[in-house]
Amino acid sequence: MKYSEVKDKSLQDLENMIKDLRLQLGKARFELANNTLKNTSLIGKIKNDIAKSLTAIREKRKTDV
C-alpha cells in the first residue's frame, strides 16, 4: 500500500485499518512460529503498512490542532 493512498483516508478508517493490520501481524507471527507461513516477507510489509498508517494519523492530528 502506498502512503498516498493511506493519507487520504479519515482518522476513523486509519484506526480501523491499524486494528486489522495488527491482527494480521499477530496471525502471521503465529504462523511463522508454527512453520506454516509461506511468505515471510509478509511480516515486514504489514509492519510498514502500520507505520504508514500511524504516520498519517500523526499528520492529521498535527494539522487539526
N, C-alpha and C. Protein backbone atom coordinates (compact mmCIF):
# COMPACT_ATOMS: atom_id res chain seq x y z
N MET A 1 0.85 -1.16 0.00
CA MET A 1 0.00 0.00 0.00
C MET A 1 0.90 1.24 0.00
N LYS A 2 0.55 2.20 -0.83
CA LYS A 2 1.34 3.41 -0.92
C LYS A 2 0.86 4.43 0.11
N TYR A 3 1.78 5.29 0.51
CA TYR A 3 1.44 6.31 1.51
C TYR A 3 0.40 7.28 0.98
N SER A 4 0.44 7.57 -0.32
CA SER A 4 -0.54 8.49 -0.88
C SER A 4 -1.96 7.94 -0.76
N GLU A 5 -2.12 6.62 -0.77
CA GLU A 5 -3.43 6.00 -0.57
C GLU A 5 -3.86 6.11 0.89
N VAL A 6 -2.90 6.00 1.78
CA VAL A 6 -3.19 5.99 3.21
C VAL A 6 -3.56 7.38 3.71
N LYS A 7 -2.85 8.41 3.26
CA LYS A 7 -3.05 9.74 3.81
C LYS A 7 -4.39 10.35 3.44
N ASP A 8 -5.06 9.81 2.44
CA ASP A 8 -6.35 10.33 2.02
C ASP A 8 -7.52 9.77 2.83
N LYS A 9 -7.26 8.81 3.70
CA LYS A 9 -8.33 8.20 4.49
C LYS A 9 -8.63 9.02 5.74
N SER A 10 -9.81 8.82 6.29
CA SER A 10 -10.20 9.55 7.51
C SER A 10 -9.53 8.91 8.73
N LEU A 11 -9.57 9.63 9.85
CA LEU A 11 -8.96 9.12 11.08
C LEU A 11 -9.59 7.80 11.50
N GLN A 12 -10.92 7.72 11.43
CA GLN A 12 -11.61 6.50 11.84
C GLN A 12 -11.21 5.33 10.95
N ASP A 13 -11.10 5.56 9.65
CA ASP A 13 -10.68 4.50 8.73
C ASP A 13 -9.25 4.05 9.04
N LEU A 14 -8.39 5.01 9.35
CA LEU A 14 -7.00 4.67 9.66
C LEU A 14 -6.90 3.85 10.94
N GLU A 15 -7.66 4.23 11.95
CA GLU A 15 -7.63 3.50 13.22
C GLU A 15 -8.16 2.08 13.03
N ASN A 16 -9.21 1.92 12.24
CA ASN A 16 -9.73 0.59 11.97
C ASN A 16 -8.73 -0.24 11.16
N MET A 17 -8.04 0.42 10.23
CA MET A 17 -7.06 -0.28 9.43
C MET A 17 -5.90 -0.76 10.30
N ILE A 18 -5.49 0.06 11.27
CA ILE A 18 -4.40 -0.33 12.16
C ILE A 18 -4.80 -1.55 12.99
N LYS A 19 -6.03 -1.57 13.48
CA LYS A 19 -6.51 -2.72 14.25
C LYS A 19 -6.45 -3.99 13.41
N ASP A 20 -6.92 -3.89 12.17
CA ASP A 20 -6.91 -5.05 11.28
C ASP A 20 -5.48 -5.50 10.96
N LEU A 21 -4.60 -4.54 10.72
CA LEU A 21 -3.22 -4.87 10.41
C LEU A 21 -2.52 -5.52 11.59
N ARG A 22 -2.81 -5.05 12.80
CA ARG A 22 -2.19 -5.66 13.98
C ARG A 22 -2.69 -7.09 14.18
N LEU A 23 -3.95 -7.34 13.86
CA LEU A 23 -4.46 -8.72 13.92
C LEU A 23 -3.77 -9.60 12.88
N GLN A 24 -3.60 -9.07 11.68
CA GLN A 24 -2.90 -9.81 10.63
C GLN A 24 -1.46 -10.10 11.03
N LEU A 25 -0.82 -9.12 11.66
CA LEU A 25 0.56 -9.31 12.11
C LEU A 25 0.65 -10.40 13.16
N GLY A 26 -0.29 -10.42 14.09
CA GLY A 26 -0.30 -11.47 15.10
C GLY A 26 -0.49 -12.84 14.48
N LYS A 27 -1.39 -12.95 13.53
CA LYS A 27 -1.62 -14.23 12.85
C LYS A 27 -0.39 -14.67 12.08
N ALA A 28 0.27 -13.71 11.41
CA ALA A 28 1.46 -14.03 10.64
C ALA A 28 2.60 -14.49 11.56
N ARG A 29 2.74 -13.85 12.71
CA ARG A 29 3.78 -14.27 13.66
C ARG A 29 3.49 -15.65 14.21
N PHE A 30 2.21 -15.93 14.45
CA PHE A 30 1.83 -17.26 14.94
C PHE A 30 2.14 -18.32 13.88
N GLU A 31 1.82 -18.02 12.63
CA GLU A 31 2.12 -18.95 11.54
C GLU A 31 3.62 -19.14 11.38
N LEU A 32 4.39 -18.08 11.57
CA LEU A 32 5.84 -18.18 11.47
C LEU A 32 6.38 -19.09 12.56
N ALA A 33 5.84 -18.97 13.76
CA ALA A 33 6.30 -19.81 14.86
C ALA A 33 5.95 -21.28 14.63
N ASN A 34 4.85 -21.53 13.93
CA ASN A 34 4.43 -22.90 13.65
C ASN A 34 4.96 -23.43 12.32
N ASN A 35 5.81 -22.65 11.67
CA ASN A 35 6.41 -23.01 10.38
C ASN A 35 5.36 -23.26 9.30
N THR A 36 4.25 -22.52 9.34
CA THR A 36 3.23 -22.66 8.30
C THR A 36 3.14 -21.41 7.43
N LEU A 37 3.94 -20.39 7.73
CA LEU A 37 3.92 -19.15 6.94
C LEU A 37 4.75 -19.36 5.68
N LYS A 38 4.12 -19.20 4.53
CA LYS A 38 4.81 -19.42 3.25
C LYS A 38 5.63 -18.20 2.84
N ASN A 39 5.07 -17.01 3.01
CA ASN A 39 5.72 -15.77 2.58
C ASN A 39 6.18 -14.99 3.80
N THR A 40 7.44 -15.13 4.17
CA THR A 40 7.93 -14.48 5.38
C THR A 40 8.08 -12.97 5.22
N SER A 41 8.12 -12.47 4.00
CA SER A 41 8.22 -11.02 3.80
C SER A 41 6.91 -10.33 4.15
N LEU A 42 5.85 -11.09 4.34
CA LEU A 42 4.55 -10.54 4.69
C LEU A 42 4.61 -9.77 6.01
N ILE A 43 5.40 -10.26 6.96
CA ILE A 43 5.51 -9.60 8.26
C ILE A 43 6.08 -8.19 8.11
N GLY A 44 7.11 -8.05 7.32
CA GLY A 44 7.70 -6.73 7.08
C GLY A 44 6.75 -5.79 6.36
N LYS A 45 5.99 -6.32 5.41
CA LYS A 45 5.03 -5.48 4.68
C LYS A 45 3.92 -4.99 5.60
N ILE A 46 3.46 -5.84 6.49
CA ILE A 46 2.41 -5.44 7.44
C ILE A 46 2.94 -4.37 8.38
N LYS A 47 4.18 -4.55 8.85
CA LYS A 47 4.78 -3.55 9.74
C LYS A 47 4.90 -2.20 9.04
N ASN A 48 5.30 -2.21 7.77
CA ASN A 48 5.42 -0.96 7.02
C ASN A 48 4.06 -0.29 6.85
N ASP A 49 3.02 -1.08 6.59
CA ASP A 49 1.68 -0.51 6.45
C ASP A 49 1.20 0.10 7.77
N ILE A 50 1.52 -0.54 8.89
CA ILE A 50 1.17 0.01 10.20
C ILE A 50 1.88 1.34 10.41
N ALA A 51 3.16 1.39 10.06
CA ALA A 51 3.94 2.62 10.24
C ALA A 51 3.39 3.74 9.37
N LYS A 52 3.01 3.43 8.13
CA LYS A 52 2.44 4.45 7.25
C LYS A 52 1.12 4.98 7.82
N SER A 53 0.32 4.08 8.35
CA SER A 53 -0.96 4.49 8.92
C SER A 53 -0.76 5.37 10.15
N LEU A 54 0.17 4.99 11.02
CA LEU A 54 0.43 5.79 12.22
C LEU A 54 0.98 7.17 11.85
N THR A 55 1.82 7.22 10.82
CA THR A 55 2.35 8.50 10.36
C THR A 55 1.23 9.39 9.84
N ALA A 56 0.31 8.82 9.09
CA ALA A 56 -0.81 9.59 8.55
C ALA A 56 -1.69 10.11 9.68
N ILE A 57 -1.90 9.29 10.70
CA ILE A 57 -2.71 9.73 11.86
C ILE A 57 -2.03 10.89 12.56
N ARG A 58 -0.72 10.80 12.78
CA ARG A 58 0.00 11.88 13.44
C ARG A 58 -0.06 13.17 12.63
N GLU A 59 0.06 13.06 11.32
CA GLU A 59 -0.01 14.26 10.48
C GLU A 59 -1.39 14.90 10.54
N LYS A 60 -2.44 14.08 10.51
CA LYS A 60 -3.80 14.60 10.56
C LYS A 60 -4.07 15.29 11.91
N ARG A 61 -3.62 14.68 12.99
CA ARG A 61 -3.83 15.27 14.31
C ARG A 61 -3.00 16.55 14.46
N LYS A 62 -1.84 16.59 13.85
CA LYS A 62 -0.98 17.77 13.92
C LYS A 62 -1.60 18.95 13.17
N THR A 63 -2.21 18.68 12.03
CA THR A 63 -2.81 19.75 11.24
C THR A 63 -4.15 20.19 11.79
N ASP A 64 -4.83 19.32 12.54
CA ASP A 64 -6.14 19.67 13.12
C ASP A 64 -6.02 20.60 14.32
N VAL A 65 -4.86 20.63 14.95
CA VAL A 65 -4.68 21.44 16.17
C VAL A 65 -4.54 22.86 15.83
